[in-house]
């Protein structure tokens, strides 16, 4: 496989806006975007190299949510999605899902490793990362 770059971490948080203010104040991260979907709300921060997504998913009870706080998934930027998918499957991983209508960047395809850990694979990268590019830039 060609170049692979770790460029994205996602955390489940109680309030993505309040958490974003914390990370901005403490570490100087910048807000580079946000999404409000039926699935939930995400605020995206960056240090210029890595994208940190702060997520609050809808439809969870308070008890369920308390168990979910913390790590959600991470993301790897690759040069070739098909090549990466083949390598993932050969190593015992599997495709998990893709958000309907998701465009280039931020969440292209999700997979699970053999232990069930969820990760994203992206060709174009995430908002605020040093290796992100738009499809028309190719």
N, C-alpha and C. Protein backbone atom coordinates (compact mmCIF):
# COMPACT_ATOMS: atom_id res chain seq x y z
N UNK A 1 0.85 -1.19 0.00
CA UNK A 1 0.00 0.00 0.00
C UNK A 1 0.89 1.24 0.00
N UNK A 2 0.41 2.27 -0.67
CA UNK A 2 1.13 3.53 -0.71
C UNK A 2 1.02 4.22 0.64
N UNK A 3 1.23 5.50 0.64
CA UNK A 3 1.25 6.30 1.86
C UNK A 3 -0.07 6.22 2.64
N UNK A 4 0.01 6.06 3.95
CA UNK A 4 -1.16 6.12 4.84
C UNK A 4 -0.81 7.10 5.97
N UNK A 5 -1.76 8.00 6.27
CA UNK A 5 -1.51 9.04 7.26
C UNK A 5 -2.64 9.07 8.29
N UNK A 6 -2.29 8.99 9.55
CA UNK A 6 -3.27 9.13 10.63
C UNK A 6 -3.62 10.61 10.72
N UNK A 7 -4.89 10.95 10.46
CA UNK A 7 -5.28 12.36 10.38
C UNK A 7 -6.58 12.71 11.09
N UNK A 8 -7.18 11.75 11.82
CA UNK A 8 -8.51 12.04 12.36
C UNK A 8 -8.78 11.20 13.61
N UNK A 9 -9.30 11.85 14.63
CA UNK A 9 -9.78 11.18 15.84
C UNK A 9 -11.18 11.71 16.14
N UNK A 10 -12.07 10.85 16.59
CA UNK A 10 -13.42 11.27 16.93
C UNK A 10 -13.74 10.84 18.36
N UNK A 11 -14.28 11.76 19.12
CA UNK A 11 -14.64 11.50 20.51
C UNK A 11 -16.13 11.73 20.71
N UNK A 12 -16.76 10.87 21.50
CA UNK A 12 -18.13 11.09 21.95
C UNK A 12 -18.06 12.02 23.15
N UNK A 13 -18.78 13.12 23.10
CA UNK A 13 -18.78 14.10 24.19
C UNK A 13 -20.21 14.49 24.53
N UNK A 14 -20.41 15.03 25.72
CA UNK A 14 -21.75 15.42 26.15
C UNK A 14 -22.26 16.65 25.38
N UNK A 15 -21.37 17.61 25.14
CA UNK A 15 -21.74 18.85 24.46
C UNK A 15 -20.59 19.25 23.54
N UNK A 16 -20.71 19.01 22.23
CA UNK A 16 -19.59 19.27 21.33
C UNK A 16 -19.15 20.74 21.32
N UNK A 17 -20.07 21.67 21.51
CA UNK A 17 -19.70 23.09 21.49
C UNK A 17 -18.90 23.45 22.75
N UNK A 18 -19.33 22.97 23.89
CA UNK A 18 -18.60 23.22 25.14
C UNK A 18 -17.23 22.55 25.09
N UNK A 19 -17.18 21.32 24.59
CA UNK A 19 -15.90 20.63 24.48
C UNK A 19 -14.97 21.35 23.51
N UNK A 20 -15.52 21.88 22.41
CA UNK A 20 -14.70 22.62 21.45
C UNK A 20 -14.06 23.83 22.11
N UNK A 21 -14.82 24.54 22.92
CA UNK A 21 -14.27 25.70 23.62
C UNK A 21 -13.13 25.29 24.55
N UNK A 22 -13.29 24.15 25.23
CA UNK A 22 -12.22 23.65 26.09
C UNK A 22 -10.94 23.42 25.29
N UNK A 23 -11.02 22.69 24.19
CA UNK A 23 -9.83 22.36 23.40
C UNK A 23 -9.24 23.59 22.71
N UNK A 24 -10.09 24.55 22.35
CA UNK A 24 -9.58 25.81 21.80
C UNK A 24 -8.79 26.57 22.86
N UNK A 25 -9.37 26.69 24.05
CA UNK A 25 -8.75 27.46 25.13
C UNK A 25 -7.47 26.81 25.62
N UNK A 26 -7.49 25.51 25.84
CA UNK A 26 -6.34 24.82 26.42
C UNK A 26 -5.21 24.62 25.41
N UNK A 27 -5.55 24.20 24.18
CA UNK A 27 -4.52 23.81 23.22
C UNK A 27 -4.40 24.72 22.01
N UNK A 28 -5.30 25.69 21.87
CA UNK A 28 -5.24 26.60 20.73
C UNK A 28 -5.75 26.00 19.43
N UNK A 29 -6.49 24.88 19.51
CA UNK A 29 -7.05 24.29 18.29
C UNK A 29 -8.07 25.26 17.68
N UNK A 30 -8.27 25.15 16.39
CA UNK A 30 -9.24 25.98 15.68
C UNK A 30 -10.44 25.16 15.25
N UNK A 31 -11.63 25.76 15.33
CA UNK A 31 -12.82 25.10 14.77
C UNK A 31 -12.74 25.25 13.26
N UNK A 32 -12.83 24.11 12.56
CA UNK A 32 -12.74 24.13 11.09
C UNK A 32 -14.05 23.73 10.42
N UNK A 33 -15.05 23.35 11.21
CA UNK A 33 -16.34 23.00 10.63
C UNK A 33 -17.27 22.39 11.65
N UNK A 34 -18.51 22.21 11.23
CA UNK A 34 -19.49 21.52 12.06
C UNK A 34 -20.55 20.92 11.16
N UNK A 35 -21.21 19.90 11.66
CA UNK A 35 -22.32 19.26 10.95
C UNK A 35 -23.42 18.95 11.95
N UNK A 36 -24.64 19.20 11.54
CA UNK A 36 -25.81 18.80 12.32
C UNK A 36 -26.62 17.90 11.39
N UNK A 37 -26.67 16.61 11.73
CA UNK A 37 -27.35 15.61 10.93
C UNK A 37 -28.43 14.94 11.75
N UNK A 38 -29.26 14.13 11.12
CA UNK A 38 -30.24 13.35 11.87
C UNK A 38 -29.54 12.45 12.89
N UNK A 39 -28.36 11.96 12.54
CA UNK A 39 -27.59 11.06 13.41
C UNK A 39 -27.05 11.77 14.64
N UNK A 40 -26.72 13.05 14.51
CA UNK A 40 -26.17 13.79 15.64
C UNK A 40 -25.44 15.03 15.19
N UNK A 41 -24.66 15.62 16.11
CA UNK A 41 -23.93 16.85 15.86
C UNK A 41 -22.44 16.60 15.99
N UNK A 42 -21.67 17.20 15.09
CA UNK A 42 -20.22 17.11 15.15
C UNK A 42 -19.59 18.48 15.01
N UNK A 43 -18.63 18.77 15.86
CA UNK A 43 -17.82 19.98 15.75
C UNK A 43 -16.40 19.50 15.47
N UNK A 44 -15.78 20.07 14.43
CA UNK A 44 -14.47 19.62 13.99
C UNK A 44 -13.41 20.67 14.30
N UNK A 45 -12.37 20.23 14.98
CA UNK A 45 -11.25 21.10 15.34
C UNK A 45 -10.00 20.60 14.66
N UNK A 46 -8.98 21.47 14.59
CA UNK A 46 -7.72 21.02 14.02
C UNK A 46 -6.55 21.77 14.64
N UNK A 47 -5.42 21.09 14.68
CA UNK A 47 -4.15 21.71 15.05
C UNK A 47 -3.34 22.04 13.80
N UNK A 48 -3.93 21.82 12.62
CA UNK A 48 -3.27 22.04 11.36
C UNK A 48 -2.76 20.77 10.72
N UNK A 49 -2.70 19.69 11.50
CA UNK A 49 -2.24 18.40 10.98
C UNK A 49 -3.34 17.35 11.14
N UNK A 50 -3.98 17.31 12.31
CA UNK A 50 -4.97 16.28 12.63
C UNK A 50 -6.32 16.94 12.88
N UNK A 51 -7.39 16.27 12.46
CA UNK A 51 -8.77 16.70 12.68
C UNK A 51 -9.30 15.97 13.91
N UNK A 52 -9.88 16.72 14.85
CA UNK A 52 -10.51 16.15 16.04
C UNK A 52 -12.01 16.42 15.94
N UNK A 53 -12.80 15.35 15.83
CA UNK A 53 -14.25 15.47 15.75
C UNK A 53 -14.84 15.24 17.13
N UNK A 54 -15.67 16.17 17.56
CA UNK A 54 -16.36 16.06 18.85
C UNK A 54 -17.82 15.77 18.52
N UNK A 55 -18.28 14.57 18.88
CA UNK A 55 -19.57 14.07 18.42
C UNK A 55 -20.58 13.90 19.56
N UNK A 56 -21.81 14.24 19.27
CA UNK A 56 -22.94 13.97 20.17
C UNK A 56 -24.00 13.29 19.31
N UNK A 57 -24.21 12.00 19.53
CA UNK A 57 -25.15 11.23 18.73
C UNK A 57 -26.56 11.35 19.31
N UNK A 58 -27.55 11.41 18.45
CA UNK A 58 -28.95 11.51 18.86
C UNK A 58 -29.52 10.12 19.16
N UNK A 59 -30.63 10.10 19.88
CA UNK A 59 -31.39 8.88 20.09
C UNK A 59 -30.82 7.93 21.14
N UNK A 60 -30.00 8.43 22.03
CA UNK A 60 -29.41 7.59 23.09
C UNK A 60 -29.97 8.03 24.44
N UNK A 61 -30.22 7.05 25.31
CA UNK A 61 -30.62 7.40 26.67
C UNK A 61 -29.41 7.95 27.40
N UNK A 62 -29.65 8.62 28.52
CA UNK A 62 -28.53 9.16 29.32
C UNK A 62 -27.61 8.03 29.77
N UNK A 63 -28.17 6.90 30.14
CA UNK A 63 -27.38 5.74 30.58
C UNK A 63 -26.52 5.21 29.42
N UNK A 64 -27.12 5.08 28.24
CA UNK A 64 -26.36 4.63 27.07
C UNK A 64 -25.24 5.62 26.75
N UNK A 65 -25.58 6.90 26.82
CA UNK A 65 -24.61 7.92 26.47
C UNK A 65 -23.42 7.91 27.42
N UNK A 66 -23.67 7.75 28.71
CA UNK A 66 -22.58 7.72 29.69
C UNK A 66 -21.58 6.61 29.38
N UNK A 67 -22.07 5.49 28.88
CA UNK A 67 -21.18 4.37 28.53
C UNK A 67 -20.40 4.64 27.25
N UNK A 68 -20.87 5.58 26.45
CA UNK A 68 -20.25 5.86 25.16
C UNK A 68 -19.21 6.98 25.20
N UNK A 69 -19.17 7.77 26.26
CA UNK A 69 -18.26 8.91 26.33
C UNK A 69 -16.83 8.44 26.09
N UNK A 70 -16.12 9.18 25.25
CA UNK A 70 -14.72 8.85 24.96
C UNK A 70 -14.52 8.52 23.50
N UNK A 71 -13.56 7.67 23.24
CA UNK A 71 -13.16 7.36 21.88
C UNK A 71 -14.30 6.77 21.05
N UNK A 72 -14.48 7.27 19.84
CA UNK A 72 -15.49 6.76 18.92
C UNK A 72 -14.83 6.02 17.76
N UNK A 73 -13.91 6.68 17.06
CA UNK A 73 -13.19 6.06 15.95
C UNK A 73 -12.00 6.95 15.58
N UNK A 74 -11.18 6.47 14.66
CA UNK A 74 -10.07 7.26 14.14
C UNK A 74 -10.07 7.14 12.63
N UNK A 75 -9.28 7.99 11.95
CA UNK A 75 -9.30 7.98 10.49
C UNK A 75 -7.91 7.99 9.89
N UNK A 76 -7.79 7.25 8.79
CA UNK A 76 -6.54 7.14 8.05
C UNK A 76 -6.77 7.66 6.64
N UNK A 77 -5.90 8.54 6.18
CA UNK A 77 -5.96 9.01 4.81
C UNK A 77 -5.04 8.13 3.97
N UNK A 78 -5.56 7.63 2.86
CA UNK A 78 -4.80 6.73 1.98
C UNK A 78 -4.81 7.27 0.56
N UNK A 79 -3.91 6.77 -0.25
CA UNK A 79 -3.84 7.20 -1.64
C UNK A 79 -4.86 6.49 -2.52
N UNK A 80 -5.27 5.28 -2.12
CA UNK A 80 -6.16 4.48 -2.97
C UNK A 80 -7.13 3.70 -2.08
N UNK A 81 -8.42 4.08 -2.09
CA UNK A 81 -9.43 3.44 -1.24
C UNK A 81 -9.57 1.96 -1.58
N UNK A 82 -9.64 1.62 -2.86
CA UNK A 82 -9.83 0.21 -3.26
C UNK A 82 -8.67 -0.65 -2.80
N UNK A 83 -7.47 -0.14 -2.92
CA UNK A 83 -6.28 -0.87 -2.47
C UNK A 83 -6.31 -1.05 -0.95
N UNK A 84 -6.69 0.01 -0.24
CA UNK A 84 -6.79 -0.07 1.23
C UNK A 84 -7.85 -1.07 1.64
N UNK A 85 -9.02 -1.05 0.98
CA UNK A 85 -10.09 -1.98 1.32
C UNK A 85 -9.64 -3.43 1.12
N UNK A 86 -8.94 -3.69 0.05
CA UNK A 86 -8.44 -5.04 -0.20
C UNK A 86 -7.49 -5.47 0.92
N UNK A 87 -6.58 -4.59 1.31
CA UNK A 87 -5.63 -4.90 2.38
C UNK A 87 -6.36 -5.12 3.71
N UNK A 88 -7.38 -4.30 3.99
CA UNK A 88 -8.17 -4.43 5.22
C UNK A 88 -8.83 -5.80 5.27
N UNK A 89 -9.49 -6.18 4.19
CA UNK A 89 -10.20 -7.47 4.14
C UNK A 89 -9.23 -8.64 4.21
N UNK A 90 -8.09 -8.56 3.54
CA UNK A 90 -7.09 -9.64 3.58
C UNK A 90 -6.52 -9.82 4.98
N UNK A 91 -6.51 -8.73 5.77
CA UNK A 91 -5.97 -8.80 7.13
C UNK A 91 -7.04 -9.13 8.18
N UNK A 92 -8.28 -9.37 7.74
CA UNK A 92 -9.33 -9.76 8.67
C UNK A 92 -10.29 -8.66 9.07
N UNK A 93 -10.15 -7.46 8.49
CA UNK A 93 -11.08 -6.38 8.75
C UNK A 93 -12.25 -6.46 7.79
N UNK A 94 -13.22 -5.56 7.95
CA UNK A 94 -14.40 -5.59 7.11
C UNK A 94 -15.01 -4.21 6.97
N UNK A 95 -15.64 -3.98 5.81
CA UNK A 95 -16.40 -2.76 5.58
C UNK A 95 -17.51 -2.69 6.63
N UNK A 96 -17.77 -1.50 7.18
CA UNK A 96 -18.82 -1.30 8.18
C UNK A 96 -19.98 -0.52 7.57
N UNK A 97 -19.77 0.72 7.14
CA UNK A 97 -20.80 1.47 6.45
C UNK A 97 -20.23 2.76 5.87
N UNK A 98 -21.05 3.40 5.06
CA UNK A 98 -20.73 4.69 4.49
C UNK A 98 -21.95 5.58 4.71
N UNK A 99 -21.73 6.83 5.13
CA UNK A 99 -22.85 7.74 5.32
C UNK A 99 -23.51 8.00 3.97
N UNK A 100 -24.83 7.89 3.89
CA UNK A 100 -25.52 8.18 2.62
C UNK A 100 -25.25 9.61 2.20
N UNK A 101 -24.85 9.78 0.96
CA UNK A 101 -24.63 11.11 0.42
C UNK A 101 -23.39 11.80 0.93
N UNK A 102 -22.50 11.08 1.62
CA UNK A 102 -21.30 11.73 2.13
C UNK A 102 -20.38 12.08 0.96
N UNK A 103 -19.88 13.29 0.99
CA UNK A 103 -18.97 13.74 -0.06
C UNK A 103 -17.53 13.48 0.33
N UNK A 104 -16.64 13.89 -0.52
CA UNK A 104 -15.21 13.69 -0.23
C UNK A 104 -14.80 14.37 1.07
N UNK A 105 -14.07 13.66 1.88
CA UNK A 105 -13.56 14.23 3.12
C UNK A 105 -14.48 14.01 4.30
N UNK A 106 -13.89 13.93 5.45
CA UNK A 106 -14.53 13.84 6.76
C UNK A 106 -15.15 12.49 7.10
N UNK A 107 -15.61 11.69 6.18
CA UNK A 107 -16.17 10.38 6.53
C UNK A 107 -16.49 9.62 5.26
N UNK A 108 -15.51 9.14 4.56
CA UNK A 108 -15.80 8.47 3.30
C UNK A 108 -16.32 7.06 3.52
N UNK A 109 -15.53 6.20 4.11
CA UNK A 109 -15.96 4.81 4.34
C UNK A 109 -15.48 4.37 5.72
N UNK A 110 -16.33 3.62 6.41
CA UNK A 110 -15.98 3.13 7.74
C UNK A 110 -15.78 1.62 7.68
N UNK A 111 -14.81 1.16 8.46
CA UNK A 111 -14.44 -0.24 8.53
C UNK A 111 -14.31 -0.64 9.99
N UNK A 112 -14.23 -1.95 10.22
CA UNK A 112 -13.92 -2.48 11.55
C UNK A 112 -12.69 -3.38 11.42
N UNK A 113 -11.81 -3.26 12.42
CA UNK A 113 -10.66 -4.17 12.45
C UNK A 113 -11.14 -5.51 13.02
N UNK A 114 -10.28 -6.52 13.11
CA UNK A 114 -10.72 -7.84 13.60
C UNK A 114 -11.32 -7.83 15.01
N UNK A 115 -10.97 -6.80 15.83
CA UNK A 115 -11.54 -6.70 17.18
C UNK A 115 -12.83 -5.87 17.21
N UNK A 116 -13.24 -5.35 16.07
CA UNK A 116 -14.45 -4.54 16.02
C UNK A 116 -14.22 -3.05 16.20
N UNK A 117 -12.95 -2.60 16.26
CA UNK A 117 -12.65 -1.17 16.39
C UNK A 117 -12.98 -0.49 15.06
N UNK A 118 -13.73 0.60 15.15
CA UNK A 118 -14.18 1.32 13.95
C UNK A 118 -13.13 2.35 13.54
N UNK A 119 -12.88 2.43 12.23
CA UNK A 119 -12.00 3.46 11.69
C UNK A 119 -12.49 3.89 10.32
N UNK A 120 -12.15 5.13 9.96
CA UNK A 120 -12.48 5.70 8.65
C UNK A 120 -11.29 5.53 7.73
N UNK A 121 -11.57 5.40 6.44
CA UNK A 121 -10.55 5.48 5.41
C UNK A 121 -11.01 6.57 4.44
N UNK A 122 -10.14 7.51 4.18
CA UNK A 122 -10.47 8.65 3.33
C UNK A 122 -9.39 8.86 2.29
N UNK A 123 -9.78 9.18 1.10
CA UNK A 123 -8.84 9.54 0.03
C UNK A 123 -8.47 11.01 0.13
N UNK A 124 -9.45 11.87 0.49
CA UNK A 124 -9.26 13.30 0.43
C UNK A 124 -8.88 13.96 1.75
N UNK A 125 -8.99 13.25 2.86
CA UNK A 125 -8.60 13.82 4.14
C UNK A 125 -9.74 14.51 4.86
N UNK A 126 -9.44 15.17 5.95
CA UNK A 126 -10.42 15.81 6.82
C UNK A 126 -10.17 17.31 6.88
N UNK A 127 -11.22 18.05 7.19
CA UNK A 127 -11.11 19.50 7.33
C UNK A 127 -10.00 19.86 8.30
N UNK A 128 -9.17 20.81 7.93
CA UNK A 128 -8.13 21.31 8.82
C UNK A 128 -6.85 20.50 8.85
N UNK A 129 -6.77 19.41 8.09
CA UNK A 129 -5.55 18.60 8.10
C UNK A 129 -4.59 19.07 7.02
N UNK A 130 -3.32 18.78 7.23
CA UNK A 130 -2.30 19.26 6.32
C UNK A 130 -2.27 18.54 4.98
N UNK A 131 -2.95 17.41 4.87
CA UNK A 131 -2.91 16.65 3.62
C UNK A 131 -4.27 16.60 2.92
N UNK A 132 -5.25 17.37 3.41
CA UNK A 132 -6.59 17.38 2.79
C UNK A 132 -6.52 18.07 1.43
N UNK A 133 -7.30 17.55 0.48
CA UNK A 133 -7.45 18.21 -0.81
C UNK A 133 -8.83 17.91 -1.37
N UNK A 134 -9.25 18.72 -2.30
CA UNK A 134 -10.55 18.58 -2.95
C UNK A 134 -10.38 17.74 -4.21
N UNK A 135 -11.40 16.98 -4.61
CA UNK A 135 -11.29 16.13 -5.81
C UNK A 135 -10.84 16.90 -7.05
N UNK A 136 -11.29 18.16 -7.18
CA UNK A 136 -10.91 18.93 -8.36
C UNK A 136 -9.44 19.36 -8.34
N UNK A 137 -8.76 19.18 -7.18
CA UNK A 137 -7.33 19.51 -7.08
C UNK A 137 -6.44 18.43 -7.69
N UNK A 138 -7.02 17.27 -8.01
CA UNK A 138 -6.22 16.16 -8.55
C UNK A 138 -5.75 16.46 -9.95
